[in-house]
Amino acid sequence: MAQPAPRPQSHPTTPADPSPGAAPAFHLVDPTPRPAYGYLAVPDDDEDQINSLHARLATHATDAGLTLLEVYVDRDTTPTTPDRPGLEDLLAELAHHPGAVLLVPGPSHLPATPTAHHALTHRLAQTRATLRALSTPPPRLPAAQAPHCVPQPSAPGPGLGPLTAEGTFELTLRPDDAAATLISALVRLPADARFVESYGDVATTLVFHPAPDTAGQPR
């Protein structure tokens, strides 16, 4: 696997005979781009989908000035799948590249169970890696694995509705909803969304607000 090249040093230079009062000129050598790795978790083995997601990560890395060294893939993997050999190999590689960037198409590619999510956060902190989730819809689930939760408030089970007129996401829970179904709905939220309130009696609706962008307006 390719190793990042040593970071070159910047060497200031000045003209041999600068004009009186002129500021000294500097020649700056561009630093080596920051290394990045990608991770995909797809619910089947659809190579077209994998190639498309890989291309999106590569495009983002190029636009962000990153060097995408490798993309790891776990196939037949849903948000609640505990066994992720690709992710384990990736985390082991990140240990050799402190400060690298981990790119994922969206939060639905990451483990959704509390225990697994906490373990991932801890290991990323150890390597000082930066996790960057791009904005993308959740991966397509095959019919045999798709939860009955769909992003429509009228569907049975926890329903994550579209962005409301008030600029919030609403997730409705009903009696007898399974925990796995709730998790599948939660991972559809933007990673930086914030819980703001809940309402309802038998059916409870959780309200999340998108994090503001740099201009202070909801995204």
Protein backbone atom coordinates (compact mmCIF):
# COMPACT_ATOMS: atom_id res chain seq x y z
CA MET A 1 0.00 0.00 0.00
CA ALA A 2 1.29 3.44 -0.88
CA GLN A 3 2.76 5.42 1.99
CA PRO A 4 2.34 9.21 2.23
CA ALA A 5 5.46 11.06 1.10
CA PRO A 6 7.35 13.19 3.68
CA ARG A 7 5.89 16.66 4.02
CA PRO A 8 8.18 19.13 2.21
CA GLN A 9 9.40 22.23 3.98
CA SER A 10 8.61 25.78 2.91
CA HIS A 11 11.72 27.86 2.05
CA PRO A 12 11.36 31.66 2.01
CA THR A 13 13.48 33.45 -0.56
CA THR A 14 14.12 37.14 -1.15
CA PRO A 15 15.21 38.95 -4.30
CA ALA A 16 18.93 39.62 -4.65
CA ASP A 17 18.37 43.35 -4.96
CA PRO A 18 14.91 44.29 -3.65
CA SER A 19 13.59 47.73 -4.39
CA PRO A 20 13.55 50.17 -1.45
CA GLY A 21 10.41 49.66 0.63
CA ALA A 22 9.33 46.52 -1.27
CA ALA A 23 8.06 43.59 0.78
CA PRO A 24 10.24 40.44 0.63
CA ALA A 25 9.03 37.76 -1.80
CA PHE A 26 8.34 34.23 -0.59
CA HIS A 27 8.22 30.97 -2.53
CA LEU A 28 5.99 28.43 -0.77
CA VAL A 29 6.17 24.76 -1.65
CA ASP A 30 2.73 23.09 -1.57
CA PRO A 31 2.50 20.51 1.23
CA THR A 32 1.70 16.87 0.53
CA PRO A 33 -2.10 16.36 0.37
CA ARG A 34 -3.64 14.87 3.50
CA PRO A 35 -4.20 11.10 3.17
CA ALA A 36 -7.75 9.78 3.16
CA TYR A 37 -9.45 6.39 3.22
CA GLY A 38 -12.97 5.47 2.20
CA TYR A 39 -15.45 3.03 3.68
CA LEU A 40 -18.63 1.56 2.18
CA ALA A 41 -21.18 -0.75 3.78
CA VAL A 42 -23.71 -2.02 1.25
CA PRO A 43 -26.65 -4.38 1.91
CA ASP A 44 -25.86 -6.62 -1.07
CA ASP A 45 -23.09 -7.17 -3.62
CA ASP A 46 -24.27 -4.73 -6.27
CA GLU A 47 -21.00 -3.78 -7.96
CA ASP A 48 -22.62 -0.93 -9.89
CA GLN A 49 -23.70 0.67 -6.61
CA ILE A 50 -20.26 0.09 -5.08
CA ASN A 51 -18.50 1.63 -8.08
CA SER A 52 -20.85 4.63 -8.01
CA LEU A 53 -20.23 5.25 -4.30
CA HIS A 54 -16.49 4.76 -4.80
CA ALA A 55 -16.54 7.41 -7.53
CA ARG A 56 -18.35 9.88 -5.25
CA LEU A 57 -15.71 9.44 -2.55
CA ALA A 58 -12.92 9.89 -5.10
CA THR A 59 -14.52 13.05 -6.49
CA HIS A 60 -14.93 14.54 -3.01
CA ALA A 61 -11.33 13.71 -2.12
CA THR A 62 -10.03 15.41 -5.25
CA ASP A 63 -12.18 18.51 -4.68
CA ALA A 64 -11.07 18.68 -1.02
CA GLY A 65 -7.37 18.30 -1.85
CA LEU A 66 -7.11 14.85 -0.27
CA THR A 67 -5.22 11.79 -1.47
CA LEU A 68 -7.63 8.84 -1.42
CA LEU A 69 -5.36 5.86 -0.79
CA GLU A 70 -7.91 3.05 -0.62
CA VAL A 71 -11.62 2.32 -0.17
CA TYR A 72 -12.69 -0.58 2.04
CA VAL A 73 -16.03 -2.33 1.44
CA ASP A 74 -18.25 -4.55 3.58
CA ARG A 75 -20.86 -6.29 1.43
CA ASP A 76 -24.18 -7.75 2.67
CA THR A 77 -23.98 -5.28 5.55
CA THR A 78 -26.81 -3.23 7.07
CA PRO A 79 -26.51 -0.58 9.83
CA THR A 80 -27.09 -3.25 12.51
CA THR A 81 -24.66 -5.86 11.11
CA PRO A 82 -22.02 -6.51 13.82
CA ASP A 83 -19.40 -8.36 11.73
CA ARG A 84 -17.50 -5.85 9.55
CA PRO A 85 -14.11 -7.26 8.46
CA GLY A 86 -13.57 -4.41 6.00
CA LEU A 87 -14.03 -1.80 8.72
CA GLU A 88 -11.66 -3.71 11.02
CA ASP A 89 -8.96 -3.75 8.31
CA LEU A 90 -9.52 -0.03 7.72
CA LEU A 91 -9.17 0.88 11.39
CA ALA A 92 -5.96 -1.15 11.59
CA GLU A 93 -4.61 0.77 8.58
CA LEU A 94 -5.61 4.14 10.06
CA ALA A 95 -3.41 3.35 13.05
CA HIS A 96 -0.42 3.72 10.68
CA HIS A 97 -1.63 7.09 9.36
CA PRO A 98 -2.48 9.34 12.33
CA GLY A 99 -4.59 12.31 11.34
CA ALA A 100 -5.94 10.77 8.14
CA VAL A 101 -9.48 11.47 6.91
CA LEU A 102 -12.11 8.71 6.84
CA LEU A 103 -14.68 9.31 4.10
CA VAL A 104 -18.10 7.62 4.05
CA PRO A 105 -21.02 8.45 1.72
CA GLY A 106 -23.32 8.93 4.71
CA PRO A 107 -23.95 7.87 8.32
CA SER A 108 -25.98 4.85 7.19
CA HIS A 109 -22.69 3.17 6.21
CA LEU A 110 -21.50 3.21 9.84
CA PRO A 111 -22.49 0.84 12.68
CA ALA A 112 -25.78 1.96 14.20
CA THR A 113 -25.91 -0.02 17.44
CA PRO A 114 -24.80 2.05 20.48
CA THR A 115 -22.02 -0.36 21.46
CA ALA A 116 -20.52 -0.59 17.98
CA HIS A 117 -20.83 3.17 17.40
CA HIS A 118 -19.07 3.93 20.70
CA ALA A 119 -16.27 1.49 19.84
CA LEU A 120 -15.80 3.11 16.42
CA THR A 121 -15.67 6.60 17.93
CA HIS A 122 -13.07 5.47 20.47
CA ARG A 123 -10.80 3.88 17.86
CA LEU A 124 -11.01 6.89 15.56
CA ALA A 125 -10.02 9.13 18.48
CA GLN A 126 -6.98 6.92 19.12
CA THR A 127 -5.75 7.43 15.55
CA ARG A 128 -6.74 11.13 15.50
CA ALA A 129 -8.64 10.39 12.28
CA THR A 130 -11.29 12.80 11.06
CA LEU A 131 -14.60 11.22 10.07
CA ARG A 132 -16.30 12.98 7.16
CA ALA A 133 -19.76 11.78 6.11
CA LEU A 134 -20.96 13.09 2.77
CA SER A 135 -24.58 13.96 2.14
CA THR A 136 -26.21 11.02 0.39
CA PRO A 137 -29.38 8.91 0.64
CA PRO A 138 -29.09 5.63 2.57
CA PRO A 139 -27.99 2.59 0.52
CA ARG A 140 -30.72 0.63 -1.22
CA LEU A 141 -31.91 -2.36 0.80
CA PRO A 142 -32.90 -5.56 -0.99
CA ALA A 143 -36.55 -6.52 -0.52
CA ALA A 144 -35.71 -9.44 1.79
CA GLN A 145 -33.82 -7.17 4.23
CA ALA A 146 -35.68 -3.87 3.90
CA PRO A 147 -37.35 -2.76 7.18
CA HIS A 148 -41.00 -1.81 7.09
CA CYS A 149 -39.92 1.70 8.05
CA VAL A 150 -39.90 4.03 5.03
CA PRO A 151 -39.43 7.81 4.97
CA GLN A 152 -43.16 8.52 5.04
CA PRO A 153 -45.05 9.52 8.19
CA SER A 154 -48.05 7.35 7.27
CA ALA A 155 -46.05 4.10 7.05
CA PRO A 156 -46.21 1.55 9.90
CA GLY A 157 -43.26 1.57 12.25
CA PRO A 158 -41.01 4.58 12.93
CA GLY A 159 -41.50 6.91 10.00
CA LEU A 160 -38.94 9.60 9.16
CA GLY A 161 -40.79 12.26 7.23
CA PRO A 162 -39.18 14.68 4.81
CA LEU A 163 -37.95 18.09 5.92
CA THR A 164 -41.02 19.96 7.18
CA ALA A 165 -42.02 23.53 6.39
CA GLU A 166 -40.49 24.50 9.74
CA GLY A 167 -37.14 23.06 8.65
CA THR A 168 -37.19 20.02 10.95
CA PHE A 169 -37.18 16.22 10.61
CA GLU A 170 -39.91 14.30 12.46
CA LEU A 171 -39.68 10.64 13.44
CA THR A 172 -42.85 8.95 14.76
CA LEU A 173 -42.70 5.92 17.09
CA ARG A 174 -45.66 3.61 17.62
CA PRO A 175 -46.26 0.83 20.18
CA ASP A 176 -44.58 -2.50 19.35
CA ASP A 177 -42.00 -0.90 17.03
CA ALA A 178 -38.84 -3.03 16.97
CA ALA A 179 -35.55 -1.51 18.11
CA ALA A 180 -33.83 -2.50 14.83
CA THR A 181 -36.52 -0.66 12.88
CA LEU A 182 -36.04 2.45 15.01
CA ILE A 183 -32.29 2.33 14.37
CA SER A 184 -32.89 2.02 10.63
CA ALA A 185 -34.99 5.20 10.79
CA LEU A 186 -32.47 7.11 12.90
CA VAL A 187 -29.56 6.46 10.53
CA ARG A 188 -31.50 8.29 7.80
CA LEU A 189 -31.04 11.54 9.73
CA PRO A 190 -28.11 13.82 8.89
CA ALA A 191 -25.23 13.02 11.23
CA ASP A 192 -25.21 16.55 12.67
CA ALA A 193 -29.00 16.84 13.25
CA ARG A 194 -29.98 17.82 16.82
CA PHE A 195 -32.94 16.50 18.85
CA VAL A 196 -35.10 19.45 19.95
CA GLU A 197 -38.44 18.12 21.26
CA SER A 198 -41.01 15.32 21.32
CA TYR A 199 -44.80 15.25 21.39
CA GLY A 200 -47.63 12.73 21.35
CA ASP A 201 -49.11 10.14 23.70
CA VAL A 202 -49.56 6.65 22.25
CA ALA A 203 -47.60 7.50 19.13
CA THR A 204 -44.61 9.70 19.98
CA THR A 205 -42.98 12.03 17.47
CA LEU A 206 -39.33 13.03 17.89
CA VAL A 207 -38.31 16.31 16.27
CA PHE A 208 -34.78 16.90 15.00
CA HIS A 209 -33.37 20.15 13.66
CA PRO A 210 -30.64 20.18 11.00
CA ALA A 211 -27.41 21.81 12.16
CA PRO A 212 -27.01 25.36 10.76
CA ASP A 213 -24.51 25.99 8.01
CA THR A 214 -21.80 28.64 8.18
CA ALA A 215 -24.37 31.33 7.42
CA GLY A 216 -26.44 30.26 10.41
CA GLN A 217 -29.36 28.91 8.35
CA PRO A 218 -30.60 25.27 8.44
CA ARG A 219 -29.18 23.21 5.61
